[in-house]
Protein backbone atom coordinates (compact mmCIF):
# COMPACT_ATOMS: atom_id res chain seq x y z
CA MET A 1 45.34 118.49 82.65
CA SER A 2 43.46 118.32 85.88
CA VAL A 3 44.65 114.71 86.44
CA GLN A 4 48.33 115.55 85.77
CA ARG A 5 48.60 118.09 88.55
CA PRO A 6 47.51 115.71 91.38
CA VAL A 7 49.82 112.99 89.99
CA PHE A 8 52.71 115.48 89.86
CA LEU A 9 52.01 116.58 93.45
CA MET A 10 51.79 112.95 94.59
CA VAL A 11 55.16 112.13 92.96
CA LEU A 12 56.72 115.26 94.46
CA PHE A 13 55.29 114.39 97.89
CA SER A 14 56.62 110.81 97.57
CA PHE A 15 60.12 112.06 96.76
CA GLY A 16 59.97 114.40 99.75
CA VAL A 17 58.93 111.57 102.09
CA PHE A 18 61.63 109.31 100.65
CA PHE A 19 64.27 112.04 101.09
CA ILE A 20 63.26 112.66 104.72
CA PHE A 21 63.21 108.90 105.44
CA ALA A 22 66.67 108.45 103.86
CA LEU A 23 68.10 111.39 105.77
CA THR A 24 66.63 110.15 109.06
CA TYR A 25 67.92 106.63 108.45
CA ARG A 26 71.40 107.99 107.67
CA PHE A 27 71.53 109.93 110.95
CA GLU A 28 70.34 106.92 112.92
CA HIS A 29 72.89 104.58 111.25
CA PRO A 30 76.14 106.52 110.90
CA SER A 31 78.16 103.29 110.83
CA LEU A 32 77.59 103.13 107.08
CA GLU A 33 80.64 105.35 106.72
CA VAL A 34 82.82 102.82 108.58
CA HIS A 35 82.43 100.30 105.77
CA VAL A 36 83.77 102.78 103.29
CA GLN A 37 86.70 103.62 105.59
CA GLU A 38 87.43 99.93 106.17
CA GLU A 39 87.55 99.41 102.42
CA LYS A 40 89.99 102.30 102.08
CA THR A 41 92.04 100.94 105.00
CA ASP A 42 92.19 97.50 103.37
CA LYS A 43 93.42 99.05 100.13
CA MET A 44 95.97 101.14 102.03
CA GLU A 45 97.20 98.05 103.92
CA PHE A 46 97.46 96.14 100.67
CA MET A 47 99.47 98.93 99.06
CA GLN A 48 101.69 99.19 102.14
CA ILE A 49 102.31 95.44 102.16
CA LEU A 50 103.03 95.45 98.44
CA SER A 51 105.54 98.28 98.86
CA LEU A 52 107.24 96.59 101.81
CA MET A 53 107.44 93.26 99.95
CA GLN A 54 109.12 95.02 97.01
CA GLN A 55 111.62 96.62 99.38
CA LEU A 56 112.23 93.26 101.04
CA GLN A 57 113.12 91.72 97.69
CA LYS A 58 115.92 94.27 97.39
CA ASN A 59 117.12 93.73 100.96
CA PRO A 60 115.83 90.40 102.38
CA ASN A 61 117.44 90.95 105.81
CA ASP A 62 116.10 94.44 106.51
CA LYS A 63 115.03 94.26 110.15
CA GLU A 64 112.63 97.20 109.99
CA ILE A 65 110.80 95.85 106.95
CA LEU A 66 110.52 92.38 108.49
CA LYS A 67 109.17 93.95 111.69
CA SER A 68 106.68 96.11 109.78
CA LEU A 69 105.38 93.15 107.78
CA GLY A 70 105.12 91.02 110.92
CA MET A 71 103.06 93.73 112.64
CA LEU A 72 100.82 94.38 109.62
CA PHE A 73 99.93 90.71 109.31
CA MET A 74 99.32 90.48 113.07
CA GLU A 75 96.87 93.38 112.79
CA MET A 76 95.08 91.37 110.11
CA ASN A 77 95.09 88.23 112.33
CA ALA A 78 97.08 86.45 109.62
CA TRP A 79 99.10 84.54 112.21
CA GLU A 80 100.98 82.14 109.91
CA ARG A 81 101.98 84.92 107.54
CA SER A 82 103.03 87.15 110.42
CA LEU A 83 104.99 84.32 111.99
CA SER A 84 106.97 83.82 108.78
CA PHE A 85 108.30 87.38 109.02
CA TRP A 86 109.01 87.20 112.77
CA ASN A 87 110.90 83.93 112.24
CA ARG A 88 112.93 85.51 109.45
CA LEU A 89 113.76 88.40 111.77
CA VAL A 90 114.82 85.94 114.49
CA LYS A 91 117.19 84.30 111.98
CA VAL A 92 118.67 87.70 111.13
CA ASP A 93 118.78 88.88 114.75
CA PRO A 94 118.47 85.93 117.20
CA LYS A 95 118.38 88.18 120.28
CA ASN A 96 115.66 90.51 119.01
CA LYS A 97 113.26 90.51 121.96
CA MET A 98 110.36 91.89 119.96
CA ALA A 99 110.69 89.26 117.23
CA LEU A 100 110.97 86.47 119.79
CA SER A 101 107.98 87.73 121.77
CA GLN A 102 105.76 88.40 118.75
CA SER A 103 106.55 85.03 117.23
CA GLY A 104 105.65 83.48 120.59
CA TYR A 105 102.31 85.27 120.42
CA CYS A 106 101.73 84.01 116.86
CA TYR A 107 102.50 80.46 117.95
CA PHE A 108 100.02 80.93 120.79
CA GLU A 109 97.31 82.13 118.39
CA LEU A 110 98.04 79.12 116.18
CA LYS A 111 97.62 76.92 119.29
CA ASP A 112 101.20 75.65 119.07
CA TYR A 113 101.74 76.10 122.79
CA GLN A 114 105.05 74.23 122.99
CA GLN A 115 106.59 76.52 120.37
CA ALA A 116 105.14 79.55 122.18
CA VAL A 117 106.81 78.37 125.40
CA SER A 118 110.08 77.90 123.54
CA ARG A 119 109.96 81.46 122.17
CA TYR A 120 109.09 83.04 125.50
CA LYS A 121 111.97 81.16 127.10
CA GLN A 122 114.21 82.62 124.39
CA VAL A 123 112.96 86.07 125.40
CA LEU A 124 113.99 85.26 128.98
CA ALA A 125 117.43 84.20 127.76
CA VAL A 126 117.82 87.76 126.44
CA ASP A 127 116.07 89.46 129.38
CA PRO A 128 115.51 87.16 132.39
CA ASN A 129 113.14 89.67 134.00
CA ASP A 130 110.86 90.43 131.05
CA PRO A 131 107.47 90.61 132.82
CA ILE A 132 105.37 89.91 129.72
CA ALA A 133 107.33 86.77 128.80
CA LEU A 134 107.12 85.62 132.44
CA PHE A 135 103.37 86.26 132.53
CA ASN A 136 102.77 84.54 129.19
CA LEU A 137 104.71 81.48 130.35
CA GLY A 138 102.68 81.41 133.56
CA LEU A 139 99.47 81.68 131.55
CA LEU A 140 100.52 78.95 129.12
CA TYR A 141 101.42 76.57 131.93
CA ALA A 142 98.29 77.43 133.91
CA ARG A 143 95.71 77.18 131.15
CA PHE A 144 97.06 75.43 128.07
CA LEU A 145 99.82 73.09 129.22
CA PRO A 146 98.52 72.20 132.66
CA ASP A 147 101.63 72.31 134.80
CA PRO A 148 100.70 74.13 138.01
CA LYS A 149 104.24 73.97 139.36
CA MET A 150 105.70 75.78 136.34
CA ALA A 151 102.75 78.19 136.26
CA ARG A 152 103.35 79.14 139.90
CA PHE A 153 107.07 79.58 139.25
CA TYR A 154 106.56 82.10 136.43
CA LEU A 155 103.56 83.88 137.92
CA GLN A 156 105.39 84.38 141.21
CA LYS A 157 108.29 85.92 139.27
CA VAL A 158 105.84 88.40 137.73
CA ILE A 159 104.41 89.30 141.13
CA ASN A 160 107.93 89.83 142.53
CA SER A 161 109.12 91.74 139.47
CA LYS A 162 110.14 95.36 139.77
CA GLN A 163 109.54 95.83 136.02
CA ALA A 164 105.98 94.49 135.88
CA GLU A 165 103.17 97.01 135.79
CA PRO A 166 100.60 96.81 138.60
CA LYS A 167 97.91 95.61 136.18
CA VAL A 168 100.10 92.69 135.03
CA LYS A 169 100.93 91.81 138.64
CA LYS A 170 97.24 91.85 139.52
CA GLU A 171 96.43 89.49 136.62
CA ALA A 172 99.28 87.19 137.66
CA GLN A 173 97.96 87.15 141.23
CA LYS A 174 94.46 86.32 139.98
CA LEU A 175 95.78 83.45 137.83
CA LEU A 176 97.91 82.19 140.69
CA SER A 177 94.91 82.12 143.03
CA LEU A 178 92.97 79.96 140.53
CA LEU A 179 95.65 77.27 140.38
CA LYS A 180 94.90 74.01 142.13
CA GLU A 181 97.45 72.64 144.57
């Protein structure tokens, strides 16, 4: 019996040390909870997508559902999948500025710069002063389709725009100053 008591105390002490270590580690690494939340978010997104896809089967031209699916897939960086919904929305509503702009962004992410330019020009056909489309065209021509003349043209329009926010104008000015003559 005399040996059992020290062993019991040693085991009890070990559990106490382990508990304190685990508690300390948990406080120092709270990001462990984020993984659980991300898993829940992924499941929620999946359920939301599944629900929207079922609704879309019933009404394949529903603009709000197409927009929601396009946005959800963009949030997941699933550019091709997102693009498919934006393109469907453009077919349903060819002058939908959001669909044109977001599909342009998807094309950009897919490195299809010519298609991105085409979409942003379609945005300008709907709203000739859209500062974001103007800026994106300037950026595309400045960095990805080296055409300094076209880049200057669009970036200058951003700088002169009454609609553009100061931050966008500042970025356009910075890009413009980096262009070679």
